[in-house]
Amino acid sequence: MAPLGEQVSYMGADEPGSAGDKDAHAHHARACSSSGVGYTGYGNDMEMAPPRIGRALVVIVDDRAAHAEHQDTIGPLVTELLDEGGFVVDAVVTVPGEAVAIRNALNTAVIGGVDLVVTVGGTGVSPRDVTSDATAGVLDRPIPGIAEAIRASGLAAGAVDAGLSRGLVGVSGSTLVVNLASSRAAIRDGMATLTPLVPHVIEELSGLDEG
């Protein structure tokens, strides 16, 4: 995975960036080059501030952003909320609404050893909403209680897409994977519901929770 908090952008071989950035992340870009994945890091430089809880990666499922047809505005929001919750964000990954691309991004994050992956978008009922289907193929153990809590809380807060979301929450390897709907209200409410629960999951996955 990318070094913690480092700002990178990998949308193609000719993408501008420092030589240091490209060298540090070349292996990660190659690992997902077949999936059409683009990388944009939004995290602050945290080298002097170790992660308080763990490492996170954000996956934005958006056809237009993945093809650079418009700027991603959701990644910075999720990164800010994760930072407030005590996470260092390795990177924000933008993928199209295709099951293979989503699954590749998730598998790469799990192999890279991040503690938490938050996906945003593609959780509805349209034919292009395949995030939940792709996630199901990656999870080892689902955690339906958290997914239901996110749905119920989002609907109560007026985030209709959260209430209608087919989003999943579960564990893949030692990584917690969470699907969120794409509205800003759904993201804010979902993160507020999720943040207090994540440390307990990570403790159990790390063998630190004796209960």
Foldseek 3Di string as FASTA:
>chain_A
DADFQDFDWPQDPPDDDDPVRCVRCVVVCVLQVVLLKIWGGDGHPCPVPDFPQWEEEEEEAAACVSVVVDPDPVVNVLCVLVVVLRYTYRIYMYGYLDLVSLLSVVVSVVVVPTAEYEYEALFADDPSSCNQVSVVVQAPFWDVVLLVVLLVQLVVQVNVCSVRGNWTWHDGQNYTYTYFYHDPSSSVRSSVSCSVPSSVSNCVSVVNDPD
